[in-house]
C-alpha cells in the first residue's frame, strides 16, 4: 500500500507549520504521463486504455487506464498531457521510471496488411509479386495506412495470396520461382 520514502525531520528538530516531515509513496497504482501531439489529440478523446511497456523491468507490459487528457498544450513542443493509471500490485514500477506507451488511434477490421519492404515503387506505381503456380505474378496495389513495418493494402491484393518478400526485387513478371519457406508472420522469415 504505502512506503516511507524520505524523512525530512530529525528527533529534536523544530518544525514549522507546513514544513514536510516525511514523504510517503503509494505504489499500488502509478500514474504514467505521456505527451500527445496536436495531430493525434482527436483520436485520443475516445481512448479508454493503452499498453504501457516498462523497459527497465524486462519489457513489462501492463494496461493503463485513461484518467486525464489536458485541454491545453504544455511548453513549446505543444504537447497535450495524457495521464494513465497503471496497476502496480507488487510495487515493481517505481516513480521516475521511463515507460513506452502504445496508443491505438484507429482500428481497421479485416484490413489486409503486408510488410512494407515487400512493396516495390517505380515512379508513381507500387506493386508486389505474388507466387501463383510456381510463377511470380506482378500485382499493382494501392496502399493505405502505414503502421510500424506493415502497410495496409486497399486494393490489388486478396487475402490468402502469397506475397514474395525475399528476392522479390530481382524478379520479372511470369518468372519461375521456388517457394523455400511459407510464413504467416513476416517475423518468422528470420527464424531458421
Protein backbone atom coordinates (compact mmCIF):
# COMPACT_ATOMS: atom_id res chain seq x y z
CA UNK A 1 0.00 0.00 0.00
CA UNK A 2 2.30 2.76 1.24
CA UNK A 3 6.05 3.19 1.59
CA UNK A 4 8.03 5.67 3.65
CA UNK A 5 10.42 7.15 1.10
CA UNK A 6 12.02 10.09 2.90
CA UNK A 7 12.20 11.52 6.43
CA UNK A 8 12.95 15.25 6.50
CA UNK A 9 12.67 15.88 10.24
CA UNK A 10 15.05 14.51 12.86
CA UNK A 11 14.38 13.99 16.54
CA UNK A 12 14.79 17.29 18.36
CA UNK A 13 14.35 19.49 15.26
CA UNK A 14 11.95 22.42 15.29
CA UNK A 15 9.39 22.02 12.54
CA UNK A 16 7.38 24.97 11.25
CA UNK A 17 3.77 24.65 10.19
CA UNK A 18 3.68 23.45 6.59
CA UNK A 19 7.21 22.01 6.57
CA UNK A 20 7.30 18.47 5.19
CA UNK A 21 8.13 15.92 7.88
CA UNK A 22 8.24 12.83 5.67
CA UNK A 23 7.41 11.66 2.18
CA UNK A 24 5.13 8.65 1.80
CA UNK A 25 4.61 6.92 -1.54
CA UNK A 26 1.55 4.96 -2.53
CA UNK A 27 2.77 2.45 -5.14
CA UNK A 28 -0.16 0.06 -5.63
CA UNK A 29 -1.05 2.29 -8.59
CA UNK A 30 1.22 4.62 -10.52
CA UNK A 31 0.50 7.44 -12.93
CA UNK A 32 2.12 7.49 -16.38
CA UNK A 33 2.14 10.81 -18.22
CA UNK A 34 2.72 10.96 -21.96
CA UNK A 35 2.82 13.95 -24.33
CA UNK A 36 0.37 13.78 -27.24
CA UNK A 37 0.99 15.94 -30.34
CA UNK A 38 -1.87 18.12 -31.57
CA UNK A 39 -2.31 15.96 -34.68
CA UNK A 40 -3.19 12.92 -32.51
CA UNK A 41 -5.39 14.53 -29.85
CA UNK A 42 -8.70 13.93 -31.67
CA UNK A 43 -8.04 10.18 -31.85
CA UNK A 44 -7.24 10.04 -28.11
CA UNK A 45 -10.57 11.51 -26.88
CA UNK A 46 -12.38 8.16 -27.05
CA UNK A 47 -9.42 6.16 -25.76
CA UNK A 48 -10.10 4.19 -22.58
CA UNK A 49 -6.85 2.27 -22.14
CA UNK A 50 -3.39 1.82 -23.61
CA UNK A 51 -0.50 -0.63 -23.39
CA UNK A 52 2.36 0.57 -21.20
CA UNK A 53 5.79 -1.05 -21.55
CA UNK A 54 8.43 -0.62 -18.84
CA UNK A 55 11.77 -1.48 -20.48
CA UNK A 56 13.70 -1.33 -17.19
CA UNK A 57 11.59 -4.26 -15.96
CA UNK A 58 12.41 -6.57 -18.88
CA UNK A 59 9.74 -5.04 -21.10
CA UNK A 60 6.94 -5.47 -18.56
CA UNK A 61 3.61 -4.96 -20.35
CA UNK A 62 0.72 -3.53 -18.33
CA UNK A 63 -2.56 -1.85 -19.21
CA UNK A 64 -3.01 1.80 -18.33
CA UNK A 65 -6.46 3.38 -18.00
CA UNK A 66 -7.01 6.99 -19.08
CA UNK A 67 -7.68 9.33 -16.19
CA UNK A 68 -6.97 12.73 -17.78
CA UNK A 69 -6.28 14.47 -21.10
CA UNK A 70 -5.28 18.12 -20.83
CA UNK A 71 -7.27 20.66 -22.83
CA UNK A 72 -4.31 22.96 -23.25
CA UNK A 73 -0.82 22.15 -24.59
CA UNK A 74 2.19 22.47 -22.35
CA UNK A 75 5.55 24.01 -23.24
CA UNK A 76 6.87 24.98 -26.67
CA UNK A 77 6.54 21.44 -28.01
CA UNK A 78 2.74 21.93 -27.86
CA UNK A 79 2.11 18.50 -26.37
CA UNK A 80 -1.10 17.64 -24.53
CA UNK A 81 -0.71 15.62 -21.32
CA UNK A 82 -2.38 12.21 -21.28
CA UNK A 83 -2.36 10.58 -17.85
CA UNK A 84 -2.84 6.85 -17.41
CA UNK A 85 -3.45 4.94 -14.17
CA UNK A 86 -1.39 1.74 -14.09
CA UNK A 87 -1.91 -1.04 -11.54
CA UNK A 88 1.28 -1.88 -9.64
CA UNK A 89 0.29 -4.52 -7.05
CA UNK A 90 3.83 -5.82 -6.48
CA UNK A 91 5.39 -2.33 -6.37
CA UNK A 92 7.95 -3.11 -9.10
CA UNK A 93 7.22 0.07 -11.08
CA UNK A 94 9.00 2.93 -9.32
CA UNK A 95 8.48 6.69 -9.63
CA UNK A 96 10.63 8.20 -12.37
CA UNK A 97 10.96 5.05 -14.49
CA UNK A 98 10.59 5.56 -18.22
CA UNK A 99 7.65 3.93 -19.97
CA UNK A 100 6.73 3.44 -23.61
CA UNK A 101 3.02 3.84 -24.33
CA UNK A 102 1.35 2.25 -27.35
CA UNK A 103 -1.85 4.02 -28.34
CA UNK A 104 -4.38 2.61 -30.80
CA UNK A 105 -5.56 5.60 -32.82
CA UNK A 106 -7.72 3.72 -35.28
CA UNK A 107 -8.93 0.15 -35.75
CA UNK A 108 -9.28 -1.41 -39.18
CA UNK A 109 -11.45 -4.51 -39.10
CA UNK A 110 -10.48 -7.15 -41.63
CA UNK A 111 -7.70 -4.99 -43.08
CA UNK A 112 -5.12 -6.61 -45.34
CA UNK A 113 -1.55 -5.71 -44.36
CA UNK A 114 1.81 -6.73 -45.76
CA UNK A 115 5.42 -5.92 -44.82
CA UNK A 116 6.40 -2.53 -46.20
CA UNK A 117 9.63 -3.99 -47.57
CA UNK A 118 7.59 -6.26 -49.89
CA UNK A 119 6.34 -3.19 -51.79
CA UNK A 120 8.30 -2.09 -54.86
CA UNK A 121 7.95 1.51 -56.04
CA UNK A 122 8.64 2.62 -59.61
CA UNK A 123 7.65 6.23 -60.24
CA UNK A 124 4.07 6.57 -59.04
CA UNK A 125 3.41 2.82 -59.27
CA UNK A 126 3.52 0.47 -56.30
CA UNK A 127 3.44 -3.26 -56.74
CA UNK A 128 4.28 -6.61 -55.19
CA UNK A 129 4.99 -10.03 -56.60
CA UNK A 130 2.78 -12.91 -55.59
CA UNK A 131 3.51 -16.60 -56.13
CA UNK A 132 0.93 -18.43 -58.21
CA UNK A 133 1.54 -21.86 -59.75
CA UNK A 134 5.32 -21.54 -59.17
CA UNK A 135 5.48 -18.24 -61.07
CA UNK A 136 5.97 -14.66 -59.92
CA UNK A 137 2.98 -12.50 -60.82
CA UNK A 138 3.26 -8.72 -60.63
CA UNK A 139 0.34 -7.03 -58.85
CA UNK A 140 -0.22 -3.27 -58.82
CA UNK A 141 -1.55 -2.26 -55.43
CA UNK A 142 -2.89 0.77 -53.62
CA UNK A 143 -1.68 1.45 -50.10
CA UNK A 144 -3.47 2.73 -47.02
CA UNK A 145 -2.18 3.32 -43.52
CA UNK A 146 1.41 2.59 -42.50
CA UNK A 147 1.75 1.05 -39.03
CA UNK A 148 5.29 0.26 -37.97
CA UNK A 149 6.80 -2.01 -40.60
CA UNK A 150 3.44 -3.06 -42.07
CA UNK A 151 1.28 -1.24 -44.61
CA UNK A 152 -2.40 -1.64 -45.38
CA UNK A 153 -3.30 -2.74 -48.92
CA UNK A 154 -6.60 -1.19 -50.02
CA UNK A 155 -6.76 -2.74 -53.50
CA UNK A 156 -4.91 -5.05 -55.86
CA UNK A 157 -4.40 -7.96 -53.47
CA UNK A 158 -6.70 -10.58 -51.95
CA UNK A 159 -6.46 -12.29 -48.59
CA UNK A 160 -4.66 -15.62 -48.87
CA UNK A 161 -2.47 -14.66 -51.83
CA UNK A 162 1.18 -15.42 -51.18
CA UNK A 163 3.33 -12.30 -51.34
CA UNK A 164 7.00 -12.82 -52.17
CA UNK A 165 9.11 -10.95 -49.61
CA UNK A 166 12.65 -12.26 -50.19
CA UNK A 167 14.37 -11.85 -53.55
CA UNK A 168 11.33 -10.06 -54.97
CA UNK A 169 13.33 -7.08 -56.26
CA UNK A 170 15.21 -9.37 -58.67
CA UNK A 171 12.08 -10.88 -60.25
CA UNK A 172 10.30 -10.34 -63.55
CA UNK A 173 6.61 -10.92 -64.15
CA UNK A 174 5.99 -14.57 -65.02
CA UNK A 175 9.42 -15.76 -63.87
CA UNK A 176 9.63 -19.28 -62.44
CA UNK A 177 10.09 -19.27 -58.64
CA UNK A 178 10.65 -21.86 -55.95
CA UNK A 179 9.00 -21.35 -52.56
CA UNK A 180 11.61 -22.03 -49.90
CA UNK A 181 9.56 -21.09 -46.85
CA UNK A 182 5.90 -20.27 -46.14
CA UNK A 183 5.21 -17.93 -43.24
CA UNK A 184 2.09 -16.25 -41.90
CA UNK A 185 4.01 -13.70 -39.84
CA UNK A 186 6.87 -11.94 -41.67
CA UNK A 187 8.97 -12.02 -38.48
CA UNK A 188 9.22 -15.80 -38.99
CA UNK A 189 11.42 -15.25 -42.06
CA UNK A 190 14.42 -14.64 -39.83
CA UNK A 191 13.94 -17.87 -37.89
CA UNK A 192 15.91 -20.89 -39.13
